Amino acid sequence: MKYKGHESTQFLCPSGVPQRSNLGPLLFLIFINDIIYVITSSYILLYADDLKLFRSIETSIDATTLQSDLDSLASWSEKNLLPFNIAKCEQLTFSCKKDEIQTVYKIHGTPLKVTELVRDLGIFFIDKKMTFIPHINQLIRKVCRVMGYILRNSKDFKNIQTLKLLYCAFVRSHLEFGMTVWNPISEIYSKEIESIQRRFLKYIYYKTFQYDPVDLSYSELLEGFQIDSLETRRKLASLKLVYALVQEHTRDSNLLREVKFRVPSSQNTRSKETFCIQQRRTKLQ
């Protein structure tokens, strides 16, 4: 490569793409974009170098079909000189059945590690029952440590807006990341998450008035500092997602298919609702 009279030295790259280069992302996509064509029967999700292969397993034939697609992926990786790191590949089954079909899947003959928890794209953990309880517990522990750090090191801060900015940037942002995925949650966990913001509001109230707000309710603190509750913000985020799907601002046919509206009959004059979303019969997300 030459630029303004300067020429770089030659470098042999046997595989992969140069990191931090402008063409790196494009070259990477060129390398892997044909991977979707080798999967014939299962579903595949791609995000950068992260790949998920999945399908519904109702019979042993379904398990055999999934293994066949795994074998196709393994053959593709060999042909393209892009080997999988099998040590990082895991197998996770989502099921509420007691007699689920047990199958050990393999890549190049090596059994995949069977796990009940997985970390994925910022959502700390997804458990096999899809309750997101491990994720919420991990999230609360992490945020409490960050909150403690902020409170310990902001004793000399006088500007309340600076404290609110720190809270929103380093605490609330974590509490709200991916919340449309793991919300709604049980009342117990909702209160536990809300207690983190209540603790912060009491802290800045004391900083402002030099008085411990033992006689003030949480709603009064929210109104006084013009902050919405975390539960309210989660509900608003869910409503915005539904609106974006219906208005096609977010083009996701799979999610839109799950938004099933039920319109009451015009003969039911007692109903105050113009429409409502079908309620789930289980607690699964």
Protein backbone atom coordinates (compact mmCIF):
# COMPACT_ATOMS: atom_id res chain seq x y z
CA MET A 1 0.00 0.00 0.00
CA LYS A 2 1.30 3.45 -0.91
CA TYR A 3 0.23 6.77 0.58
CA LYS A 4 1.88 10.18 0.02
CA GLY A 5 5.16 8.64 -1.02
CA HIS A 6 5.26 6.12 1.80
CA GLU A 7 4.97 2.40 1.17
CA SER A 8 4.06 -0.21 3.78
CA THR A 9 5.93 -3.48 4.03
CA GLN A 10 4.39 -6.71 2.82
CA PHE A 11 2.67 -8.91 5.38
CA LEU A 12 1.46 -12.46 4.83
CA CYS A 13 -1.98 -13.09 6.36
CA PRO A 14 -2.75 -16.83 6.16
CA SER A 15 -6.29 -16.45 7.52
CA GLY A 16 -8.69 -13.92 9.03
CA VAL A 17 -8.77 -10.17 8.46
CA PRO A 18 -6.62 -7.33 9.86
CA GLN A 19 -7.99 -5.94 13.11
CA ARG A 20 -8.96 -2.24 13.39
CA SER A 21 -8.82 -1.81 9.62
CA ASN A 22 -11.43 -0.01 7.54
CA LEU A 23 -11.93 -2.99 5.25
CA GLY A 24 -11.94 -5.52 8.09
CA PRO A 25 -15.73 -5.63 8.66
CA LEU A 26 -16.44 -5.83 4.92
CA LEU A 27 -13.88 -8.60 4.37
CA PHE A 28 -15.27 -10.51 7.35
CA LEU A 29 -18.80 -10.34 5.92
CA ILE A 30 -17.53 -11.56 2.56
CA PHE A 31 -15.92 -14.52 4.31
CA ILE A 32 -18.97 -15.66 6.31
CA ASN A 33 -22.12 -14.43 4.52
CA ASP A 34 -22.57 -17.64 2.56
CA ILE A 35 -22.79 -19.66 5.77
CA ILE A 36 -26.58 -19.34 5.80
CA TYR A 37 -26.86 -21.37 2.59
CA VAL A 38 -25.40 -24.54 4.13
CA ILE A 39 -28.20 -24.72 6.72
CA THR A 40 -31.12 -26.57 5.15
CA SER A 41 -33.50 -27.47 7.98
CA SER A 42 -32.70 -25.41 11.10
CA TYR A 43 -32.72 -21.72 11.94
CA ILE A 44 -29.60 -19.60 12.20
CA LEU A 45 -28.87 -16.25 13.86
CA LEU A 46 -25.70 -14.29 13.10
CA TYR A 47 -24.24 -11.29 14.91
CA ALA A 48 -20.64 -10.50 13.95
CA ASP A 49 -18.71 -13.70 14.75
CA ASP A 50 -21.44 -15.05 17.03
CA LEU A 51 -23.62 -17.82 15.58
CA LYS A 52 -26.68 -19.57 16.99
CA LEU A 53 -28.18 -22.66 15.39
CA PHE A 54 -31.54 -23.86 16.69
CA ARG A 55 -34.72 -25.77 15.93
CA SER A 56 -37.70 -27.31 17.74
CA ILE A 57 -36.99 -30.87 18.86
CA GLU A 58 -40.20 -32.88 18.99
CA THR A 59 -38.85 -36.29 17.93
CA SER A 60 -35.50 -38.04 17.56
CA ILE A 61 -35.66 -37.24 13.84
CA ASP A 62 -35.52 -33.52 14.69
CA ALA A 63 -32.39 -34.14 16.77
CA THR A 64 -30.80 -36.01 13.87
CA THR A 65 -31.67 -33.14 11.52
CA LEU A 66 -30.07 -30.59 13.85
CA GLN A 67 -26.91 -32.70 14.04
CA SER A 68 -26.89 -32.88 10.23
CA ASP A 69 -26.90 -29.08 10.05
CA LEU A 70 -24.07 -28.96 12.59
CA ASP A 71 -22.11 -31.32 10.36
CA SER A 72 -22.77 -29.00 7.40
CA LEU A 73 -21.41 -26.09 9.43
CA ALA A 74 -18.31 -28.10 10.30
CA SER A 75 -17.72 -28.91 6.62
CA TRP A 76 -18.18 -25.26 5.69
CA SER A 77 -15.60 -24.18 8.28
CA GLU A 78 -13.05 -26.65 6.89
CA LYS A 79 -13.55 -25.52 3.29
CA ASN A 80 -13.24 -21.84 4.22
CA LEU A 81 -10.30 -22.35 6.63
CA LEU A 82 -12.33 -20.75 9.42
CA PRO A 83 -12.30 -23.35 12.21
CA PHE A 84 -14.72 -23.14 15.10
CA ASN A 85 -13.39 -22.86 18.62
CA ILE A 86 -15.22 -25.93 19.88
CA ALA A 87 -14.21 -25.20 23.47
CA LYS A 88 -16.41 -22.08 23.31
CA CYS A 89 -19.36 -23.83 21.64
CA GLU A 90 -22.18 -24.82 23.98
CA GLN A 91 -25.47 -26.68 23.84
CA LEU A 92 -28.55 -25.30 25.61
CA THR A 93 -32.06 -26.75 25.68
CA PHE A 94 -35.12 -24.62 26.42
CA SER A 95 -37.92 -26.79 27.72
CA CYS A 96 -40.61 -27.07 30.38
CA LYS A 97 -41.10 -30.79 29.77
CA LYS A 98 -39.92 -33.32 32.30
CA ASP A 99 -39.26 -35.94 29.61
CA GLU A 100 -37.36 -33.78 27.12
CA ILE A 101 -35.34 -35.52 24.42
CA GLN A 102 -31.73 -35.81 25.58
CA THR A 103 -29.21 -35.56 22.75
CA VAL A 104 -25.47 -34.88 22.77
CA TYR A 105 -24.57 -32.83 19.70
CA LYS A 106 -21.07 -32.88 18.23
CA ILE A 107 -18.77 -30.83 16.00
CA HIS A 108 -16.04 -32.82 14.27
CA GLY A 109 -16.87 -35.70 16.62
CA THR A 110 -16.27 -33.60 19.75
CA PRO A 111 -19.31 -33.42 22.08
CA LEU A 112 -20.52 -29.92 22.82
CA LYS A 113 -20.55 -28.72 26.39
CA VAL A 114 -24.05 -28.94 27.86
CA THR A 115 -24.97 -25.85 29.86
CA GLU A 116 -28.03 -24.43 31.57
CA LEU A 117 -26.83 -20.82 31.44
CA VAL A 118 -25.42 -18.77 28.60
CA ARG A 119 -24.16 -15.21 28.23
CA ASP A 120 -25.27 -13.47 25.09
CA LEU A 121 -24.92 -9.92 23.72
CA GLY A 122 -25.01 -8.03 26.99
CA ILE A 123 -27.76 -10.07 28.60
CA PHE A 124 -25.68 -11.71 31.27
CA PHE A 125 -27.47 -15.02 31.53
CA ILE A 126 -30.40 -16.80 29.93
CA ASP A 127 -31.46 -19.92 31.82
CA LYS A 128 -33.13 -22.96 30.25
CA LYS A 129 -36.53 -22.04 31.73
CA MET A 130 -36.21 -18.52 30.26
CA THR A 131 -37.02 -16.80 33.56
CA PHE A 132 -33.98 -14.48 33.34
CA ILE A 133 -33.64 -14.76 37.13
CA PRO A 134 -29.86 -15.43 36.96
CA HIS A 135 -29.50 -12.36 34.74
CA ILE A 136 -31.43 -10.13 37.14
CA ASN A 137 -29.50 -11.38 40.18
CA GLN A 138 -26.19 -10.76 38.43
CA LEU A 139 -27.40 -7.34 37.29
CA ILE A 140 -28.43 -6.26 40.80
CA ARG A 141 -25.07 -7.32 42.27
CA LYS A 142 -23.14 -5.45 39.60
CA VAL A 143 -25.20 -2.27 39.84
CA CYS A 144 -25.01 -2.21 43.64
CA ARG A 145 -21.21 -2.23 43.41
CA VAL A 146 -21.26 0.64 40.91
CA MET A 147 -23.74 2.57 43.05
CA GLY A 148 -21.56 2.14 46.12
CA TYR A 149 -18.53 3.40 44.21
CA ILE A 150 -20.39 6.53 43.07
CA LEU A 151 -21.74 7.33 46.54
CA ARG A 152 -18.35 6.85 48.19
CA ASN A 153 -16.57 9.11 45.74
CA SER A 154 -19.17 11.88 45.44
CA LYS A 155 -19.23 13.09 49.03
CA ASP A 156 -17.80 16.47 48.06
CA PHE A 157 -20.07 16.98 45.04
CA LYS A 158 -22.43 19.93 45.42
CA ASN A 159 -24.22 19.90 42.08
CA ILE A 160 -27.20 17.51 42.20
CA GLN A 161 -27.46 17.46 38.41
CA THR A 162 -23.94 16.01 38.25
CA LEU A 163 -24.97 13.22 40.60
CA LYS A 164 -28.09 12.51 38.54
CA LEU A 165 -25.94 12.41 35.42
CA LEU A 166 -23.57 9.88 37.03
CA TYR A 167 -26.51 7.77 38.18
CA CYS A 168 -28.18 7.74 34.76
CA ALA A 169 -24.91 7.02 32.94
CA PHE A 170 -23.45 4.30 35.15
CA VAL A 171 -26.37 2.81 37.10
CA ARG A 172 -29.70 3.28 35.36
CA SER A 173 -28.22 2.54 31.95
CA HIS A 174 -27.22 -0.94 33.19
CA LEU A 175 -30.62 -1.50 34.80
CA GLU A 176 -32.34 -0.71 31.51
CA PHE A 177 -30.06 -2.41 29.01
CA GLY A 178 -32.02 -5.10 27.17
CA MET A 179 -35.03 -4.56 29.45
CA THR A 180 -37.52 -5.27 26.65
CA VAL A 181 -36.03 -8.77 26.54
CA TRP A 182 -36.20 -9.70 30.24
CA ASN A 183 -39.24 -7.61 31.23
CA PRO A 184 -41.82 -8.22 32.71
CA ILE A 185 -40.42 -9.55 35.97
CA SER A 186 -41.94 -10.66 39.24
CA GLU A 187 -42.99 -8.11 41.83
CA ILE A 188 -40.23 -9.24 44.18
CA TYR A 189 -37.46 -8.50 41.69
CA SER A 190 -39.18 -5.31 40.56
CA LYS A 191 -39.09 -4.00 44.14
CA GLU A 192 -35.47 -5.07 44.55
CA ILE A 193 -34.45 -3.20 41.39
CA GLU A 194 -36.53 -0.19 42.40
CA SER A 195 -34.79 -0.08 45.81
CA ILE A 196 -31.55 0.83 44.03
CA GLN A 197 -33.07 4.02 42.62
CA ARG A 198 -34.82 4.73 45.95
CA ARG A 199 -31.45 4.57 47.69
CA PHE A 200 -30.01 7.07 45.23
CA LEU A 201 -32.94 9.49 45.61
CA LYS A 202 -32.63 9.43 49.39
CA TYR A 203 -28.94 10.16 49.03
CA ILE A 204 -29.39 13.24 46.82
CA TYR A 205 -32.30 14.42 49.02
CA TYR A 206 -29.99 14.38 52.02
CA LYS A 207 -27.28 16.14 49.99
CA THR A 208 -29.78 18.84 49.06
CA PHE A 209 -31.63 19.46 52.34
CA GLN A 210 -29.33 17.90 54.95
CA TYR A 211 -32.29 15.89 56.17
CA ASP A 212 -32.96 12.16 56.10
CA PRO A 213 -36.25 11.67 54.19
CA VAL A 214 -37.64 8.92 56.43
CA ASP A 215 -41.14 10.42 56.25
CA LEU A 216 -41.22 10.75 52.44
CA SER A 217 -42.62 8.06 50.17
CA TYR A 218 -40.86 6.80 47.08
CA SER A 219 -43.46 8.45 44.83
CA GLU A 220 -42.83 11.82 46.51
CA LEU A 221 -39.09 11.47 45.92
CA LEU A 222 -39.71 10.60 42.26
CA GLU A 223 -41.93 13.62 41.79
CA GLY A 224 -39.59 15.94 43.65
CA PHE A 225 -36.56 15.05 41.54
CA GLN A 226 -38.58 14.58 38.33
CA ILE A 227 -37.52 11.00 37.75
CA ASP A 228 -39.79 8.18 36.59
CA SER A 229 -39.80 4.88 38.38
CA LEU A 230 -37.83 2.08 36.72
CA GLU A 231 -41.01 0.02 36.36
CA THR A 232 -42.70 2.88 34.50
CA ARG A 233 -39.71 3.24 32.19
CA ARG A 234 -39.77 -0.51 31.44
CA LYS A 235 -43.46 -0.34 30.55
CA LEU A 236 -42.88 2.67 28.31
CA ALA A 237 -40.03 0.89 26.54
CA SER A 238 -42.29 -2.11 25.88
CA LEU A 239 -45.04 0.15 24.53
CA LYS A 240 -42.56 1.91 22.27
CA LEU A 241 -41.40 -1.44 20.92
CA VAL A 242 -44.97 -2.52 20.13
CA TYR A 243 -45.64 0.84 18.47
CA ALA A 244 -42.46 0.56 16.39
CA LEU A 245 -43.44 -2.94 15.27
CA VAL A 246 -46.99 -2.00 14.34
CA GLN A 247 -45.90 1.15 12.53
CA GLU A 248 -43.09 -0.78 10.79
CA HIS A 249 -40.40 1.46 12.22
CA THR A 250 -38.79 -1.78 13.38
CA ARG A 251 -39.03 -4.40 10.64
CA ASP A 252 -39.11 -7.73 12.41
CA SER A 253 -41.77 -10.10 11.10
CA ASN A 254 -41.11 -12.67 13.83
CA LEU A 255 -41.80 -10.19 16.64
CA LEU A 256 -44.74 -8.62 14.83
CA ARG A 257 -46.29 -12.07 14.48
CA GLU A 258 -46.34 -12.35 18.28
CA VAL A 259 -48.36 -9.13 18.68
CA LYS A 260 -51.84 -10.62 18.52
CA PHE A 261 -54.55 -8.00 18.94
CA ARG A 262 -57.99 -8.97 20.18
CA VAL A 263 -60.68 -6.51 19.08
CA PRO A 264 -63.89 -6.66 21.17
CA SER A 265 -67.18 -7.09 19.37
CA SER A 266 -69.05 -3.90 18.48
CA GLN A 267 -72.05 -5.37 20.31
CA ASN A 268 -70.18 -5.30 23.61
CA THR A 269 -71.02 -1.74 24.59
CA ARG A 270 -69.82 -2.17 28.18
CA SER A 271 -66.20 -2.63 27.19
CA LYS A 272 -64.06 0.47 27.68
CA GLU A 273 -61.13 -0.96 25.67
CA THR A 274 -60.83 -0.43 21.94
CA PHE A 275 -58.42 -3.37 21.70
CA CYS A 276 -56.11 -5.41 23.87
CA ILE A 277 -53.13 -7.71 23.40
CA GLN A 278 -53.68 -11.40 23.99
CA GLN A 279 -52.49 -12.45 27.44
CA ARG A 280 -50.04 -15.31 27.89
CA ARG A 281 -51.08 -18.37 29.90
CA THR A 282 -47.59 -18.96 31.27
CA LYS A 283 -44.91 -16.83 32.90
CA LEU A 284 -42.37 -17.56 30.16
CA GLN A 285 -41.14 -14.52 28.19
